Amino acid sequence: VKGSVAATAGRRLWTGIGSMLRAACERNRSRRMLAELDDRLLRDV
């Protein structure tokens, strides 16, 4: 039932899973970009 404890817990669960997946995708994207940097740019960071 909308507004019930179970519904609220379910939304929190899916929101948490979505946040974790977005963070994992962002880490993956950042790591791919890092691997594409040349040695000069790697030295800069």
ModelCIF file with pLDDT and N, C-alpha, C, O atoms, coordinates in Angstrom:
data_MODEL
#
_entry.id   MODEL 
#
_entity.id                         1 
_entity.type                       polymer 
_entity.pdbx_number_of_molecules   1 
#
_entity_poly.entity_id                      1 
_entity_poly.type                           'polypeptide(L)' 
_entity_poly.nstd_linkage                   no 
_entity_poly.nstd_monomer                   no 
_entity_poly.pdbx_seq_one_letter_code       VKGSVAATAGRRLWTGIGSMLRAACERNRSRRMLAELDDRLLRDV 
_entity_poly.pdbx_seq_one_letter_code_can   VKGSVAATAGRRLWTGIGSMLRAACERNRSRRMLAELDDRLLRDV 
_entity_poly.pdbx_strand_id                 A 
#
loop_
_entity_poly_seq.entity_id 
_entity_poly_seq.num 
_entity_poly_seq.mon_id 
_entity_poly_seq.hetero 
1 1  VAL n 
1 2  LYS n 
1 3  GLY n 
1 4  SER n 
1 5  VAL n 
1 6  ALA n 
1 7  ALA n 
1 8  THR n 
1 9  ALA n 
1 10 GLY n 
1 11 ARG n 
1 12 ARG n 
1 13 LEU n 
1 14 TRP n 
1 15 THR n 
1 16 GLY n 
1 17 ILE n 
1 18 GLY n 
1 19 SER n 
1 20 MET n 
1 21 LEU n 
1 22 ARG n 
1 23 ALA n 
1 24 ALA n 
1 25 CYS n 
1 26 GLU n 
1 27 ARG n 
1 28 ASN n 
1 29 ARG n 
1 30 SER n 
1 31 ARG n 
1 32 ARG n 
1 33 MET n 
1 34 LEU n 
1 35 ALA n 
1 36 GLU n 
1 37 LEU n 
1 38 ASP n 
1 39 ASP n 
1 40 ARG n 
1 41 LEU n 
1 42 LEU n 
1 43 ARG n 
1 44 ASP n 
1 45 VAL n 
#
_struct_asym.id          A 
_struct_asym.entity_id   1 
#
loop_
_ma_qa_metric.id 
_ma_qa_metric.mode 
_ma_qa_metric.name 
_ma_qa_metric.software_group_id 
_ma_qa_metric.type 
1 global pLDDT . pLDDT 
2 local  pLDDT . pLDDT 
#
_ma_qa_metric_global.metric_id      1 
_ma_qa_metric_global.metric_value   89.73 
_ma_qa_metric_global.model_id       1 
_ma_qa_metric_global.ordinal_id     1 
#
loop_
_ma_qa_metric_local.label_asym_id 
_ma_qa_metric_local.label_comp_id 
_ma_qa_metric_local.label_seq_id 
_ma_qa_metric_local.metric_id 
_ma_qa_metric_local.metric_value 
_ma_qa_metric_local.model_id 
_ma_qa_metric_local.ordinal_id 
A VAL 1  2 62.00 1 1  
A LYS 2  2 65.00 1 2  
A GLY 3  2 67.00 1 3  
A SER 4  2 77.00 1 4  
A VAL 5  2 79.00 1 5  
A ALA 6  2 78.00 1 6  
A ALA 7  2 79.00 1 7  
A THR 8  2 86.00 1 8  
A ALA 9  2 86.00 1 9  
A GLY 10 2 86.00 1 10 
A ARG 11 2 88.00 1 11 
A ARG 12 2 91.00 1 12 
A LEU 13 2 92.00 1 13 
A TRP 14 2 91.00 1 14 
A THR 15 2 92.00 1 15 
A GLY 16 2 93.00 1 16 
A ILE 17 2 94.00 1 17 
A GLY 18 2 93.00 1 18 
A SER 19 2 94.00 1 19 
A MET 20 2 94.00 1 20 
A LEU 21 2 93.00 1 21 
A ARG 22 2 95.00 1 22 
A ALA 23 2 94.00 1 23 
A ALA 24 2 93.00 1 24 
A CYS 25 2 93.00 1 25 
A GLU 26 2 94.00 1 26 
A ARG 27 2 93.00 1 27 
A ASN 28 2 92.00 1 28 
A ARG 29 2 94.00 1 29 
A SER 30 2 94.00 1 30 
A ARG 31 2 94.00 1 31 
A ARG 32 2 93.00 1 32 
A MET 33 2 94.00 1 33 
A LEU 34 2 93.00 1 34 
A ALA 35 2 92.00 1 35 
A GLU 36 2 94.00 1 36 
A LEU 37 2 95.00 1 37 
A ASP 38 2 95.00 1 38 
A ASP 39 2 94.00 1 39 
A ARG 40 2 96.00 1 40 
A LEU 41 2 96.00 1 41 
A LEU 42 2 96.00 1 42 
A ARG 43 2 95.00 1 43 
A ASP 44 2 96.00 1 44 
A VAL 45 2 93.00 1 45 
#
loop_
_atom_site.group_PDB 
_atom_site.id 
_atom_site.type_symbol 
_atom_site.label_atom_id 
_atom_site.label_alt_id 
_atom_site.label_comp_id 
_atom_site.label_asym_id 
_atom_site.label_entity_id 
_atom_site.label_seq_id 
_atom_site.pdbx_PDB_ins_code 
_atom_site.Cartn_x 
_atom_site.Cartn_y 
_atom_site.Cartn_z 
_atom_site.occupancy 
_atom_site.B_iso_or_equiv 
_atom_site.pdbx_formal_charge 
_atom_site.auth_seq_id 
_atom_site.auth_comp_id 
_atom_site.auth_asym_id 
_atom_site.auth_atom_id 
_atom_site.pdbx_PDB_model_num 
ATOM 1   N N  . VAL A 1 1  ? 0.851  -1.182 0.000   1.00 62.00 ? 1  VAL A N  1 
ATOM 2   C CA . VAL A 1 1  ? 0.000  0.000  0.000   1.00 62.00 ? 1  VAL A CA 1 
ATOM 3   C C  . VAL A 1 1  ? 0.886  1.232  0.000   1.00 62.00 ? 1  VAL A C  1 
ATOM 4   O O  . VAL A 1 1  ? 1.868  1.297  0.740   1.00 62.00 ? 1  VAL A O  1 
ATOM 5   N N  . LYS A 1 2  ? 0.540  2.212  -0.833  1.00 65.00 ? 2  LYS A N  1 
ATOM 6   C CA . LYS A 1 2  ? 1.327  3.430  -0.913  1.00 65.00 ? 2  LYS A CA 1 
ATOM 7   C C  . LYS A 1 2  ? 1.423  4.068  0.471   1.00 65.00 ? 2  LYS A C  1 
ATOM 8   O O  . LYS A 1 2  ? 0.417  4.246  1.158   1.00 65.00 ? 2  LYS A O  1 
ATOM 9   N N  . GLY A 1 3  ? 2.647  4.409  0.868   1.00 67.00 ? 3  GLY A N  1 
ATOM 10  C CA . GLY A 1 3  ? 2.864  5.034  2.162   1.00 67.00 ? 3  GLY A CA 1 
ATOM 11  C C  . GLY A 1 3  ? 3.094  4.029  3.273   1.00 67.00 ? 3  GLY A C  1 
ATOM 12  O O  . GLY A 1 3  ? 3.389  4.416  4.404   1.00 67.00 ? 3  GLY A O  1 
ATOM 13  N N  . SER A 1 4  ? 2.964  2.737  2.969   1.00 77.00 ? 4  SER A N  1 
ATOM 14  C CA . SER A 1 4  ? 3.181  1.731  4.000   1.00 77.00 ? 4  SER A CA 1 
ATOM 15  C C  . SER A 1 4  ? 4.674  1.577  4.266   1.00 77.00 ? 4  SER A C  1 
ATOM 16  O O  . SER A 1 4  ? 5.513  2.035  3.490   1.00 77.00 ? 4  SER A O  1 
ATOM 17  N N  . VAL A 1 5  ? 4.982  0.928  5.372   1.00 79.00 ? 5  VAL A N  1 
ATOM 18  C CA . VAL A 1 5  ? 6.388  0.694  5.729   1.00 79.00 ? 5  VAL A CA 1 
ATOM 19  C C  . VAL A 1 5  ? 7.068  -0.142 4.655   1.00 79.00 ? 5  VAL A C  1 
ATOM 20  O O  . VAL A 1 5  ? 8.213  0.132  4.294   1.00 79.00 ? 5  VAL A O  1 
ATOM 21  N N  . ALA A 1 6  ? 6.374  -1.166 4.136   1.00 78.00 ? 6  ALA A N  1 
ATOM 22  C CA . ALA A 1 6  ? 6.957  -2.025 3.101   1.00 78.00 ? 6  ALA A CA 1 
ATOM 23  C C  . ALA A 1 6  ? 7.229  -1.240 1.819   1.00 78.00 ? 6  ALA A C  1 
ATOM 24  O O  . ALA A 1 6  ? 8.274  -1.419 1.195   1.00 78.00 ? 6  ALA A O  1 
ATOM 25  N N  . ALA A 1 7  ? 6.301  -0.379 1.425   1.00 79.00 ? 7  ALA A N  1 
ATOM 26  C CA . ALA A 1 7  ? 6.495  0.412  0.210   1.00 79.00 ? 7  ALA A CA 1 
ATOM 27  C C  . ALA A 1 7  ? 7.667  1.365  0.375   1.00 79.00 ? 7  ALA A C  1 
ATOM 28  O O  . ALA A 1 7  ? 8.477  1.527  -0.538  1.00 79.00 ? 7  ALA A O  1 
ATOM 29  N N  . THR A 1 8  ? 7.755  1.993  1.538   1.00 86.00 ? 8  THR A N  1 
ATOM 30  C CA . THR A 1 8  ? 8.855  2.922  1.801   1.00 86.00 ? 8  THR A CA 1 
ATOM 31  C C  . THR A 1 8  ? 10.187 2.187  1.795   1.00 86.00 ? 8  THR A C  1 
ATOM 32  O O  . THR A 1 8  ? 11.162 2.676  1.226   1.00 86.00 ? 8  THR A O  1 
ATOM 33  N N  . ALA A 1 9  ? 10.236 1.019  2.423   1.00 86.00 ? 9  ALA A N  1 
ATOM 34  C CA . ALA A 1 9  ? 11.477 0.227  2.455   1.00 86.00 ? 9  ALA A CA 1 
ATOM 35  C C  . ALA A 1 9  ? 11.854 -0.219 1.053   1.00 86.00 ? 9  ALA A C  1 
ATOM 36  O O  . ALA A 1 9  ? 13.034 -0.226 0.703   1.00 86.00 ? 9  ALA A O  1 
ATOM 37  N N  . GLY A 1 10 ? 10.865 -0.593 0.243   1.00 86.00 ? 10 GLY A N  1 
ATOM 38  C CA . GLY A 1 10 ? 11.135 -1.007 -1.134  1.00 86.00 ? 10 GLY A CA 1 
ATOM 39  C C  . GLY A 1 10 ? 11.713 0.127  -1.956  1.00 86.00 ? 10 GLY A C  1 
ATOM 40  O O  . GLY A 1 10 ? 12.660 -0.070 -2.718  1.00 86.00 ? 10 GLY A O  1 
ATOM 41  N N  . ARG A 1 11 ? 11.142 1.324  -1.804  1.00 88.00 ? 11 ARG A N  1 
ATOM 42  C CA . ARG A 1 11 ? 11.678 2.483  -2.538  1.00 88.00 ? 11 ARG A CA 1 
ATOM 43  C C  . ARG A 1 11 ? 13.105 2.780  -2.112  1.00 88.00 ? 11 ARG A C  1 
ATOM 44  O O  . ARG A 1 11 ? 13.960 3.070  -2.949  1.00 88.00 ? 11 ARG A O  1 
ATOM 45  N N  . ARG A 1 12 ? 13.364 2.707  -0.814  1.00 91.00 ? 12 ARG A N  1 
ATOM 46  C CA . ARG A 1 12 ? 14.729 2.957  -0.323  1.00 91.00 ? 12 ARG A CA 1 
ATOM 47  C C  . ARG A 1 12 ? 15.704 1.931  -0.868  1.00 91.00 ? 12 ARG A C  1 
ATOM 48  O O  . ARG A 1 12 ? 16.827 2.268  -1.243  1.00 91.00 ? 12 ARG A O  1 
ATOM 49  N N  . LEU A 1 13 ? 15.271 0.675  -0.912  1.00 92.00 ? 13 LEU A N  1 
ATOM 50  C CA . LEU A 1 13 ? 16.129 -0.384 -1.439  1.00 92.00 ? 13 LEU A CA 1 
ATOM 51  C C  . LEU A 1 13 ? 16.488 -0.101 -2.890  1.00 92.00 ? 13 LEU A C  1 
ATOM 52  O O  . LEU A 1 13 ? 17.664 -0.130 -3.255  1.00 92.00 ? 13 LEU A O  1 
ATOM 53  N N  . TRP A 1 14 ? 15.481 0.173  -3.725  1.00 91.00 ? 14 TRP A N  1 
ATOM 54  C CA . TRP A 1 14 ? 15.742 0.426  -5.146  1.00 91.00 ? 14 TRP A CA 1 
ATOM 55  C C  . TRP A 1 14 ? 16.528 1.713  -5.359  1.00 91.00 ? 14 TRP A C  1 
ATOM 56  O O  . TRP A 1 14 ? 17.351 1.789  -6.272  1.00 91.00 ? 14 TRP A O  1 
ATOM 57  N N  . THR A 1 15 ? 16.288 2.715  -4.537  1.00 92.00 ? 15 THR A N  1 
ATOM 58  C CA . THR A 1 15 ? 17.058 3.949  -4.637  1.00 92.00 ? 15 THR A CA 1 
ATOM 59  C C  . THR A 1 15 ? 18.519 3.677  -4.310  1.00 92.00 ? 15 THR A C  1 
ATOM 60  O O  . THR A 1 15 ? 19.416 4.173  -4.993  1.00 92.00 ? 15 THR A O  1 
ATOM 61  N N  . GLY A 1 16 ? 18.758 2.886  -3.262  1.00 93.00 ? 16 GLY A N  1 
ATOM 62  C CA . GLY A 1 16 ? 20.126 2.537  -2.880  1.00 93.00 ? 16 GLY A CA 1 
ATOM 63  C C  . GLY A 1 16 ? 20.840 1.734  -3.951  1.00 93.00 ? 16 GLY A C  1 
ATOM 64  O O  . GLY A 1 16 ? 22.009 1.981  -4.250  1.00 93.00 ? 16 GLY A O  1 
ATOM 65  N N  . ILE A 1 17 ? 20.137 0.778  -4.523  1.00 94.00 ? 17 ILE A N  1 
ATOM 66  C CA . ILE A 1 17 ? 20.722 -0.034 -5.592  1.00 94.00 ? 17 ILE A CA 1 
ATOM 67  C C  . ILE A 1 17 ? 21.049 0.847  -6.794  1.00 94.00 ? 17 ILE A C  1 
ATOM 68  O O  . ILE A 1 17 ? 22.112 0.712  -7.399  1.00 94.00 ? 17 ILE A O  1 
ATOM 69  N N  . GLY A 1 18 ? 20.136 1.743  -7.135  1.00 93.00 ? 18 GLY A N  1 
ATOM 70  C CA . GLY A 1 18 ? 20.379 2.662  -8.256  1.00 93.00 ? 18 GLY A CA 1 
ATOM 71  C C  . GLY A 1 18 ? 21.586 3.545  -8.006  1.00 93.00 ? 18 GLY A C  1 
ATOM 72  O O  . GLY A 1 18 ? 22.389 3.774  -8.911  1.00 93.00 ? 18 GLY A O  1 
ATOM 73  N N  . SER A 1 19 ? 21.722 4.041  -6.788  1.00 94.00 ? 19 SER A N  1 
ATOM 74  C CA . SER A 1 19 ? 22.874 4.880  -6.442  1.00 94.00 ? 19 SER A CA 1 
ATOM 75  C C  . SER A 1 19 ? 24.174 4.106  -6.553  1.00 94.00 ? 19 SER A C  1 
ATOM 76  O O  . SER A 1 19 ? 25.173 4.621  -7.056  1.00 94.00 ? 19 SER A O  1 
ATOM 77  N N  . MET A 1 20 ? 24.159 2.863  -6.081  1.00 94.00 ? 20 MET A N  1 
ATOM 78  C CA . MET A 1 20 ? 25.368 2.031  -6.150  1.00 94.00 ? 20 MET A CA 1 
ATOM 79  C C  . MET A 1 20 ? 25.747 1.746  -7.606  1.00 94.00 ? 20 MET A C  1 
ATOM 80  O O  . MET A 1 20 ? 26.926 1.777  -7.958  1.00 94.00 ? 20 MET A O  1 
ATOM 81  N N  . LEU A 1 21 ? 24.759 1.471  -8.442  1.00 93.00 ? 21 LEU A N  1 
ATOM 82  C CA . LEU A 1 21 ? 25.043 1.201  -9.853  1.00 93.00 ? 21 LEU A CA 1 
ATOM 83  C C  . LEU A 1 21 ? 25.576 2.444  -10.565 1.00 93.00 ? 21 LEU A C  1 
ATOM 84  O O  . LEU A 1 21 ? 26.500 2.351  -11.373 1.00 93.00 ? 21 LEU A O  1 
ATOM 85  N N  . ARG A 1 22 ? 24.996 3.603  -10.265 1.00 95.00 ? 22 ARG A N  1 
ATOM 86  C CA . ARG A 1 22 ? 25.495 4.840  -10.876 1.00 95.00 ? 22 ARG A CA 1 
ATOM 87  C C  . ARG A 1 22 ? 26.938 5.101  -10.452 1.00 95.00 ? 22 ARG A C  1 
ATOM 88  O O  . ARG A 1 22 ? 27.759 5.497  -11.279 1.00 95.00 ? 22 ARG A O  1 
ATOM 89  N N  . ALA A 1 23 ? 27.258 4.886  -9.183  1.00 94.00 ? 23 ALA A N  1 
ATOM 90  C CA . ALA A 1 23 ? 28.624 5.097  -8.694  1.00 94.00 ? 23 ALA A CA 1 
ATOM 91  C C  . ALA A 1 23 ? 29.589 4.123  -9.358  1.00 94.00 ? 23 ALA A C  1 
ATOM 92  O O  . ALA A 1 23 ? 30.698 4.507  -9.729  1.00 94.00 ? 23 ALA A O  1 
ATOM 93  N N  . ALA A 1 24 ? 29.178 2.863  -9.513  1.00 93.00 ? 24 ALA A N  1 
ATOM 94  C CA . ALA A 1 24 ? 30.030 1.866  -10.158 1.00 93.00 ? 24 ALA A CA 1 
ATOM 95  C C  . ALA A 1 24 ? 30.281 2.232  -11.624 1.00 93.00 ? 24 ALA A C  1 
ATOM 96  O O  . ALA A 1 24 ? 31.399 2.085  -12.118 1.00 93.00 ? 24 ALA A O  1 
ATOM 97  N N  . CYS A 1 25 ? 29.256 2.703  -12.308 1.00 93.00 ? 25 CYS A N  1 
ATOM 98  C CA . CYS A 1 25 ? 29.412 3.122  -13.713 1.00 93.00 ? 25 CYS A CA 1 
ATOM 99  C C  . CYS A 1 25 ? 30.347 4.323  -13.816 1.00 93.00 ? 25 CYS A C  1 
ATOM 100 O O  . CYS A 1 25 ? 31.175 4.392  -14.724 1.00 93.00 ? 25 CYS A O  1 
ATOM 101 N N  . GLU A 1 26 ? 30.216 5.261  -12.897 1.00 94.00 ? 26 GLU A N  1 
ATOM 102 C CA . GLU A 1 26 ? 31.082 6.442  -12.902 1.00 94.00 ? 26 GLU A CA 1 
ATOM 103 C C  . GLU A 1 26 ? 32.541 6.050  -12.644 1.00 94.00 ? 26 GLU A C  1 
ATOM 104 O O  . GLU A 1 26 ? 33.448 6.560  -13.302 1.00 94.00 ? 26 GLU A O  1 
ATOM 105 N N  . ARG A 1 27 ? 32.765 5.142  -11.684 1.00 93.00 ? 27 ARG A N  1 
ATOM 106 C CA . ARG A 1 27 ? 34.141 4.667  -11.429 1.00 93.00 ? 27 ARG A CA 1 
ATOM 107 C C  . ARG A 1 27 ? 34.716 3.992  -12.666 1.00 93.00 ? 27 ARG A C  1 
ATOM 108 O O  . ARG A 1 27 ? 35.871 4.217  -13.029 1.00 93.00 ? 27 ARG A O  1 
ATOM 109 N N  . ASN A 1 28 ? 33.897 3.160  -13.312 1.00 92.00 ? 28 ASN A N  1 
ATOM 110 C CA . ASN A 1 28 ? 34.340 2.457  -14.512 1.00 92.00 ? 28 ASN A CA 1 
ATOM 111 C C  . ASN A 1 28 ? 34.698 3.450  -15.620 1.00 92.00 ? 28 ASN A C  1 
ATOM 112 O O  . ASN A 1 28 ? 35.719 3.295  -16.290 1.00 92.00 ? 28 ASN A O  1 
ATOM 113 N N  . ARG A 1 29 ? 33.863 4.461  -15.808 1.00 94.00 ? 29 ARG A N  1 
ATOM 114 C CA . ARG A 1 29 ? 34.121 5.474  -16.837 1.00 94.00 ? 29 ARG A CA 1 
ATOM 115 C C  . ARG A 1 29 ? 35.400 6.255  -16.528 1.00 94.00 ? 29 ARG A C  1 
ATOM 116 O O  . ARG A 1 29 ? 36.208 6.508  -17.421 1.00 94.00 ? 29 ARG A O  1 
ATOM 117 N N  . SER A 1 30 ? 35.578 6.630  -15.277 1.00 94.00 ? 30 SER A N  1 
ATOM 118 C CA . SER A 1 30 ? 36.778 7.375  -14.881 1.00 94.00 ? 30 SER A CA 1 
ATOM 119 C C  . SER A 1 30 ? 38.039 6.553  -15.085 1.00 94.00 ? 30 SER A C  1 
ATOM 120 O O  . SER A 1 30 ? 39.066 7.071  -15.526 1.00 94.00 ? 30 SER A O  1 
ATOM 121 N N  . ARG A 1 31 ? 37.955 5.271  -14.761 1.00 94.00 ? 31 ARG A N  1 
ATOM 122 C CA . ARG A 1 31 ? 39.128 4.396  -14.939 1.00 94.00 ? 31 ARG A CA 1 
ATOM 123 C C  . ARG A 1 31 ? 39.470 4.213  -16.408 1.00 94.00 ? 31 ARG A C  1 
ATOM 124 O O  . ARG A 1 31 ? 40.645 4.169  -16.771 1.00 94.00 ? 31 ARG A O  1 
ATOM 125 N N  . ARG A 1 32 ? 38.459 4.106  -17.253 1.00 93.00 ? 32 ARG A N  1 
ATOM 126 C CA . ARG A 1 32 ? 38.735 4.003  -18.693 1.00 93.00 ? 32 ARG A CA 1 
ATOM 127 C C  . ARG A 1 32 ? 39.405 5.268  -19.210 1.00 93.00 ? 32 ARG A C  1 
ATOM 128 O O  . ARG A 1 32 ? 40.342 5.201  -20.005 1.00 93.00 ? 32 ARG A O  1 
ATOM 129 N N  . MET A 1 33 ? 38.923 6.421  -18.755 1.00 94.00 ? 33 MET A N  1 
ATOM 130 C CA . MET A 1 33 ? 39.520 7.691  -19.183 1.00 94.00 ? 33 MET A CA 1 
ATOM 131 C C  . MET A 1 33 ? 40.964 7.802  -18.682 1.00 94.00 ? 33 MET A C  1 
ATOM 132 O O  . MET A 1 33 ? 41.838 8.276  -19.408 1.00 94.00 ? 33 MET A O  1 
ATOM 133 N N  . LEU A 1 34 ? 41.212 7.372  -17.462 1.00 93.00 ? 34 LEU A N  1 
ATOM 134 C CA . LEU A 1 34 ? 42.558 7.401  -16.894 1.00 93.00 ? 34 LEU A CA 1 
ATOM 135 C C  . LEU A 1 34 ? 43.509 6.534  -17.722 1.00 93.00 ? 34 LEU A C  1 
ATOM 136 O O  . LEU A 1 34 ? 44.651 6.919  -17.971 1.00 93.00 ? 34 LEU A O  1 
ATOM 137 N N  . ALA A 1 35 ? 43.032 5.370  -18.142 1.00 92.00 ? 35 ALA A N  1 
ATOM 138 C CA . ALA A 1 35 ? 43.872 4.468  -18.935 1.00 92.00 ? 35 ALA A CA 1 
ATOM 139 C C  . ALA A 1 35 ? 44.217 5.055  -20.300 1.00 92.00 ? 35 ALA A C  1 
ATOM 140 O O  . ALA A 1 35 ? 45.213 4.661  -20.907 1.00 92.00 ? 35 ALA A O  1 
ATOM 141 N N  . GLU A 1 36 ? 43.409 5.990  -20.786 1.00 94.00 ? 36 GLU A N  1 
ATOM 142 C CA . GLU A 1 36 ? 43.642 6.582  -22.104 1.00 94.00 ? 36 GLU A CA 1 
ATOM 143 C C  . GLU A 1 36 ? 44.596 7.783  -22.061 1.00 94.00 ? 36 GLU A C  1 
ATOM 144 O O  . GLU A 1 36 ? 45.018 8.268  -23.111 1.00 94.00 ? 36 GLU A O  1 
ATOM 145 N N  . LEU A 1 37 ? 44.939 8.265  -20.865 1.00 95.00 ? 37 LEU A N  1 
ATOM 146 C CA . LEU A 1 37 ? 45.835 9.420  -20.765 1.00 95.00 ? 37 LEU A CA 1 
ATOM 147 C C  . LEU A 1 37 ? 47.250 9.038  -21.190 1.00 95.00 ? 37 LEU A C  1 
ATOM 148 O O  . LEU A 1 37 ? 47.697 7.914  -20.963 1.00 95.00 ? 37 LEU A O  1 
ATOM 149 N N  . ASP A 1 38 ? 47.942 9.986  -21.806 1.00 95.00 ? 38 ASP A N  1 
ATOM 150 C CA . ASP A 1 38 ? 49.341 9.717  -22.166 1.00 95.00 ? 38 ASP A CA 1 
ATOM 151 C C  . ASP A 1 38 ? 50.224 9.935  -20.929 1.00 95.00 ? 38 ASP A C  1 
ATOM 152 O O  . ASP A 1 38 ? 49.766 10.439 -19.904 1.00 95.00 ? 38 ASP A O  1 
ATOM 153 N N  . ASP A 1 39 ? 51.485 9.548  -21.048 1.00 94.00 ? 39 ASP A N  1 
ATOM 154 C CA . ASP A 1 39 ? 52.404 9.590  -19.902 1.00 94.00 ? 39 ASP A CA 1 
ATOM 155 C C  . ASP A 1 39 ? 52.589 11.006 -19.351 1.00 94.00 ? 39 ASP A C  1 
ATOM 156 O O  . ASP A 1 39 ? 52.744 11.181 -18.142 1.00 94.00 ? 39 ASP A O  1 
ATOM 157 N N  . ARG A 1 40 ? 52.576 12.001 -20.210 1.00 96.00 ? 40 ARG A N  1 
ATOM 158 C CA . ARG A 1 40 ? 52.746 13.381 -19.750 1.00 96.00 ? 40 ARG A CA 1 
ATOM 159 C C  . ARG A 1 40 ? 51.582 13.803 -18.853 1.00 96.00 ? 40 ARG A C  1 
ATOM 160 O O  . ARG A 1 40 ? 51.784 14.399 -17.795 1.00 96.00 ? 40 ARG A O  1 
ATOM 161 N N  . LEU A 1 41 ? 50.368 13.486 -19.290 1.00 96.00 ? 41 LEU A N  1 
ATOM 162 C CA . LEU A 1 41 ? 49.192 13.837 -18.490 1.00 96.00 ? 41 LEU A CA 1 
ATOM 163 C C  . LEU A 1 41 ? 49.134 13.038 -17.189 1.00 96.00 ? 41 LEU A C  1 
ATOM 164 O O  . LEU A 1 41 ? 48.712 13.558 -16.156 1.00 96.00 ? 41 LEU A O  1 
ATOM 165 N N  . LEU A 1 42 ? 49.559 11.774 -17.240 1.00 96.00 ? 42 LEU A N  1 
ATOM 166 C CA . LEU A 1 42 ? 49.614 10.978 -16.010 1.00 96.00 ? 42 LEU A CA 1 
ATOM 167 C C  . LEU A 1 42 ? 50.595 11.596 -15.011 1.00 96.00 ? 42 LEU A C  1 
ATOM 168 O O  . LEU A 1 42 ? 50.324 11.636 -13.811 1.00 96.00 ? 42 LEU A O  1 
ATOM 169 N N  . ARG A 1 43 ? 51.738 12.078 -15.514 1.00 95.00 ? 43 ARG A N  1 
ATOM 170 C CA . ARG A 1 43 ? 52.701 12.751 -14.627 1.00 95.00 ? 43 ARG A CA 1 
ATOM 171 C C  . ARG A 1 43 ? 52.079 13.993 -14.001 1.00 95.00 ? 43 ARG A C  1 
ATOM 172 O O  . ARG A 1 43 ? 52.312 14.297 -12.831 1.00 95.00 ? 43 ARG A O  1 
ATOM 173 N N  . ASP A 1 44 ? 51.282 14.708 -14.799 1.00 96.00 ? 44 ASP A N  1 
ATOM 174 C CA . ASP A 1 44 ? 50.617 15.911 -14.286 1.00 96.00 ? 44 ASP A CA 1 
ATOM 175 C C  . ASP A 1 44 ? 49.694 15.607 -13.108 1.00 96.00 ? 44 ASP A C  1 
ATOM 176 O O  . ASP A 1 44 ? 49.561 16.424 -12.197 1.00 96.00 ? 44 ASP A O  1 
ATOM 177 N N  . VAL A 1 45 ? 49.059 14.443 -13.122 1.00 93.00 ? 45 VAL A N  1 
ATOM 178 C CA . VAL A 1 45 ? 48.175 14.085 -12.013 1.00 93.00 ? 45 VAL A CA 1 
ATOM 179 C C  . VAL A 1 45 ? 48.883 13.249 -10.956 1.00 93.00 ? 45 VAL A C  1 
ATOM 180 O O  . VAL A 1 45 ? 48.271 12.868 -9.959  1.00 93.00 ? 45 VAL A O  1 
#
